[in-house]
N, C-alpha and C. Protein backbone atom coordinates (compact mmCIF):
# COMPACT_ATOMS: atom_id res chain seq x y z
N MET A 1 -165.71 -36.29 39.02
CA MET A 1 -167.14 -36.23 39.20
C MET A 1 -167.82 -36.27 37.85
N ASN A 2 -168.95 -36.91 37.78
CA ASN A 2 -169.77 -36.97 36.57
C ASN A 2 -171.07 -36.22 36.79
N ALA A 3 -171.57 -35.60 35.73
CA ALA A 3 -172.86 -34.90 35.78
C ALA A 3 -173.47 -34.93 34.40
N THR A 4 -174.77 -34.85 34.35
CA THR A 4 -175.43 -34.78 33.05
C THR A 4 -175.40 -33.34 32.54
N ALA A 5 -175.57 -33.19 31.24
CA ALA A 5 -175.59 -31.85 30.65
C ALA A 5 -176.72 -31.02 31.24
N THR A 6 -177.84 -31.65 31.52
CA THR A 6 -178.98 -30.93 32.11
C THR A 6 -178.63 -30.43 33.50
N GLU A 7 -177.97 -31.27 34.31
CA GLU A 7 -177.56 -30.84 35.65
C GLU A 7 -176.62 -29.64 35.57
N VAL A 8 -175.67 -29.72 34.65
CA VAL A 8 -174.71 -28.63 34.51
C VAL A 8 -175.41 -27.36 34.04
N LYS A 9 -176.31 -27.51 33.10
CA LYS A 9 -177.05 -26.33 32.61
C LYS A 9 -177.84 -25.67 33.73
N ASN A 10 -178.48 -26.48 34.56
CA ASN A 10 -179.33 -25.94 35.61
C ASN A 10 -178.55 -25.41 36.81
N ARG A 11 -177.33 -25.91 37.02
CA ARG A 11 -176.53 -25.51 38.19
C ARG A 11 -175.10 -25.16 37.76
N PHE A 12 -174.99 -24.35 36.71
CA PHE A 12 -173.69 -24.08 36.10
C PHE A 12 -172.68 -23.50 37.09
N GLY A 13 -173.09 -22.53 37.87
CA GLY A 13 -172.18 -21.91 38.84
C GLY A 13 -171.61 -22.92 39.81
N GLU A 14 -172.43 -23.81 40.27
CA GLU A 14 -171.99 -24.85 41.20
C GLU A 14 -170.93 -25.75 40.54
N PHE A 15 -171.15 -26.10 39.28
CA PHE A 15 -170.20 -26.97 38.60
C PHE A 15 -168.92 -26.23 38.22
N MET A 16 -169.03 -24.92 37.98
CA MET A 16 -167.81 -24.14 37.77
C MET A 16 -166.95 -24.16 39.03
N ASP A 17 -167.59 -24.00 40.19
CA ASP A 17 -166.85 -24.07 41.45
C ASP A 17 -166.25 -25.46 41.65
N ARG A 18 -167.01 -26.48 41.33
CA ARG A 18 -166.52 -27.85 41.49
C ARG A 18 -165.31 -28.11 40.59
N ALA A 19 -165.35 -27.56 39.38
CA ALA A 19 -164.24 -27.76 38.43
C ALA A 19 -162.95 -27.12 38.91
N GLN A 20 -163.04 -26.17 39.85
CA GLN A 20 -161.84 -25.59 40.43
C GLN A 20 -161.09 -26.60 41.30
N ARG A 21 -161.82 -27.60 41.80
CA ARG A 21 -161.23 -28.60 42.70
C ARG A 21 -160.95 -29.93 42.01
N GLU A 22 -161.76 -30.26 41.01
CA GLU A 22 -161.62 -31.55 40.33
C GLU A 22 -162.28 -31.47 38.95
N PRO A 23 -161.81 -32.28 38.01
CA PRO A 23 -162.46 -32.30 36.69
C PRO A 23 -163.92 -32.78 36.82
N VAL A 24 -164.78 -32.19 36.02
CA VAL A 24 -166.19 -32.58 35.98
C VAL A 24 -166.47 -33.12 34.57
N THR A 25 -166.78 -34.39 34.48
CA THR A 25 -167.13 -35.00 33.20
C THR A 25 -168.62 -34.79 32.96
N VAL A 26 -168.96 -34.17 31.84
CA VAL A 26 -170.35 -33.88 31.51
C VAL A 26 -170.80 -34.94 30.50
N GLU A 27 -171.90 -35.59 30.84
CA GLU A 27 -172.44 -36.63 29.98
C GLU A 27 -173.65 -36.10 29.22
N LYS A 28 -173.72 -36.50 27.97
CA LYS A 28 -174.85 -36.13 27.12
C LYS A 28 -175.32 -37.40 26.44
N THR A 29 -176.59 -37.66 26.51
CA THR A 29 -177.20 -38.88 25.97
C THR A 29 -176.45 -40.14 26.45
N GLY A 30 -176.07 -40.12 27.73
CA GLY A 30 -175.47 -41.29 28.35
C GLY A 30 -174.00 -41.51 28.06
N ARG A 31 -173.35 -40.58 27.35
CA ARG A 31 -171.93 -40.75 27.03
C ARG A 31 -171.14 -39.53 27.48
N SER A 32 -169.89 -39.75 27.85
CA SER A 32 -169.03 -38.62 28.21
C SER A 32 -168.92 -37.70 27.01
N TYR A 33 -169.11 -36.40 27.25
CA TYR A 33 -169.17 -35.44 26.16
C TYR A 33 -168.07 -34.39 26.25
N VAL A 34 -167.93 -33.76 27.41
CA VAL A 34 -166.88 -32.77 27.66
C VAL A 34 -166.43 -32.89 29.11
N VAL A 35 -165.29 -32.25 29.40
CA VAL A 35 -164.79 -32.20 30.77
C VAL A 35 -164.55 -30.74 31.13
N LEU A 36 -165.09 -30.32 32.26
CA LEU A 36 -164.84 -28.98 32.78
C LEU A 36 -163.64 -29.06 33.71
N ILE A 37 -162.65 -28.19 33.47
CA ILE A 37 -161.47 -28.13 34.34
C ILE A 37 -161.18 -26.68 34.65
N SER A 38 -160.41 -26.48 35.70
CA SER A 38 -160.03 -25.11 36.07
C SER A 38 -159.10 -24.52 35.02
N HIS A 39 -159.04 -23.21 34.97
CA HIS A 39 -158.14 -22.55 34.04
C HIS A 39 -156.69 -22.90 34.38
N GLU A 40 -156.39 -23.00 35.65
CA GLU A 40 -155.04 -23.37 36.09
C GLU A 40 -154.64 -24.74 35.54
N GLU A 41 -155.57 -25.70 35.61
CA GLU A 41 -155.28 -27.05 35.09
C GLU A 41 -155.14 -27.02 33.57
N TYR A 42 -155.97 -26.23 32.91
CA TYR A 42 -155.89 -26.08 31.46
C TYR A 42 -154.51 -25.55 31.05
N GLU A 43 -154.04 -24.50 31.74
CA GLU A 43 -152.72 -23.94 31.44
C GLU A 43 -151.61 -24.95 31.71
N ARG A 44 -151.74 -25.72 32.79
CA ARG A 44 -150.74 -26.75 33.09
C ARG A 44 -150.69 -27.78 31.97
N LEU A 45 -151.84 -28.22 31.52
CA LEU A 45 -151.89 -29.21 30.43
C LEU A 45 -151.31 -28.64 29.14
N ARG A 46 -151.58 -27.37 28.87
CA ARG A 46 -151.00 -26.73 27.67
C ARG A 46 -149.48 -26.70 27.76
N SER A 47 -148.94 -26.38 28.92
CA SER A 47 -147.49 -26.31 29.05
C SER A 47 -146.86 -27.70 28.92
N VAL A 48 -147.54 -28.72 29.42
CA VAL A 48 -147.05 -30.10 29.25
C VAL A 48 -147.04 -30.46 27.77
N GLU A 49 -148.11 -30.10 27.06
CA GLU A 49 -148.18 -30.39 25.63
C GLU A 49 -147.10 -29.63 24.86
N ASP A 50 -146.91 -28.35 25.20
CA ASP A 50 -145.86 -27.56 24.54
C ASP A 50 -144.49 -28.18 24.76
N ALA A 51 -144.22 -28.61 25.98
CA ALA A 51 -142.93 -29.24 26.28
C ALA A 51 -142.76 -30.53 25.49
N HIS A 52 -143.82 -31.28 25.36
CA HIS A 52 -143.79 -32.53 24.60
C HIS A 52 -143.42 -32.27 23.14
N TRP A 53 -144.10 -31.30 22.52
CA TRP A 53 -143.83 -31.00 21.11
C TRP A 53 -142.45 -30.39 20.92
N ALA A 54 -142.00 -29.60 21.88
CA ALA A 54 -140.65 -29.03 21.80
C ALA A 54 -139.61 -30.14 21.86
N ALA A 55 -139.82 -31.12 22.73
CA ALA A 55 -138.89 -32.25 22.83
C ALA A 55 -138.86 -33.04 21.52
N LEU A 56 -140.02 -33.27 20.93
CA LEU A 56 -140.07 -33.99 19.65
C LEU A 56 -139.37 -33.20 18.55
N ALA A 57 -139.56 -31.88 18.53
CA ALA A 57 -138.88 -31.05 17.54
C ALA A 57 -137.37 -31.12 17.72
N GLY A 58 -136.91 -31.08 18.97
CA GLY A 58 -135.49 -31.20 19.25
C GLY A 58 -134.93 -32.53 18.78
N GLN A 59 -135.66 -33.60 19.02
CA GLN A 59 -135.23 -34.92 18.55
C GLN A 59 -135.16 -34.97 17.03
N ALA A 60 -136.14 -34.35 16.38
CA ALA A 60 -136.15 -34.34 14.91
C ALA A 60 -134.94 -33.59 14.37
N GLU A 61 -134.62 -32.44 14.97
CA GLU A 61 -133.46 -31.68 14.53
C GLU A 61 -132.17 -32.46 14.76
N GLN A 62 -132.07 -33.16 15.88
CA GLN A 62 -130.87 -33.95 16.16
C GLN A 62 -130.71 -35.11 15.18
N SER A 63 -131.83 -35.59 14.66
CA SER A 63 -131.74 -36.72 13.72
C SER A 63 -131.56 -36.25 12.28
N GLY A 64 -131.45 -34.91 12.07
CA GLY A 64 -131.16 -34.41 10.74
C GLY A 64 -132.28 -33.67 10.05
N TYR A 65 -133.44 -33.54 10.66
CA TYR A 65 -134.55 -32.80 10.05
C TYR A 65 -134.21 -31.32 10.04
N VAL A 66 -134.30 -30.70 8.89
CA VAL A 66 -133.93 -29.30 8.76
C VAL A 66 -135.13 -28.36 8.73
N GLY A 67 -136.33 -28.88 8.63
CA GLY A 67 -137.52 -28.05 8.58
C GLY A 67 -138.01 -27.88 7.16
N SER A 68 -139.28 -27.57 7.02
CA SER A 68 -139.89 -27.49 5.69
C SER A 68 -139.33 -26.33 4.87
N GLU A 69 -139.10 -25.18 5.49
CA GLU A 69 -138.59 -24.03 4.74
C GLU A 69 -137.18 -24.29 4.23
N ALA A 70 -136.32 -24.81 5.10
CA ALA A 70 -134.93 -25.12 4.68
C ALA A 70 -134.93 -26.22 3.63
N ALA A 71 -135.80 -27.20 3.76
CA ALA A 71 -135.86 -28.29 2.79
C ALA A 71 -136.30 -27.75 1.42
N THR A 72 -137.24 -26.82 1.41
CA THR A 72 -137.70 -26.21 0.16
C THR A 72 -136.55 -25.46 -0.51
N GLN A 73 -135.77 -24.72 0.27
CA GLN A 73 -134.63 -24.00 -0.28
C GLN A 73 -133.58 -24.96 -0.85
N LEU A 74 -133.36 -26.08 -0.17
CA LEU A 74 -132.40 -27.08 -0.68
C LEU A 74 -132.85 -27.67 -1.99
N VAL A 75 -134.14 -27.92 -2.13
CA VAL A 75 -134.69 -28.52 -3.34
C VAL A 75 -134.62 -27.53 -4.51
N LYS A 76 -134.77 -26.24 -4.25
CA LYS A 76 -134.76 -25.22 -5.28
C LYS A 76 -133.36 -25.00 -5.87
N ARG A 77 -132.33 -25.43 -5.19
CA ARG A 77 -130.96 -25.20 -5.67
C ARG A 77 -130.63 -26.01 -6.88
């Protein structure tokens, strides 16, 4: 759903309820500005992002990356 910033400001409670069911794109000066989502969806997206970065870190370690702290210690030797 799309709404203008003015609509959201004037009917905030209604749009908070709507965001529980679907993302609400808020437009300001004719352009998409922010998206209101439920807290549950926000947490789901955070866990997806965390899993993504964890997978990348695992791949880096498997390819030989030792991390910045270990690399600093190796250089100091």
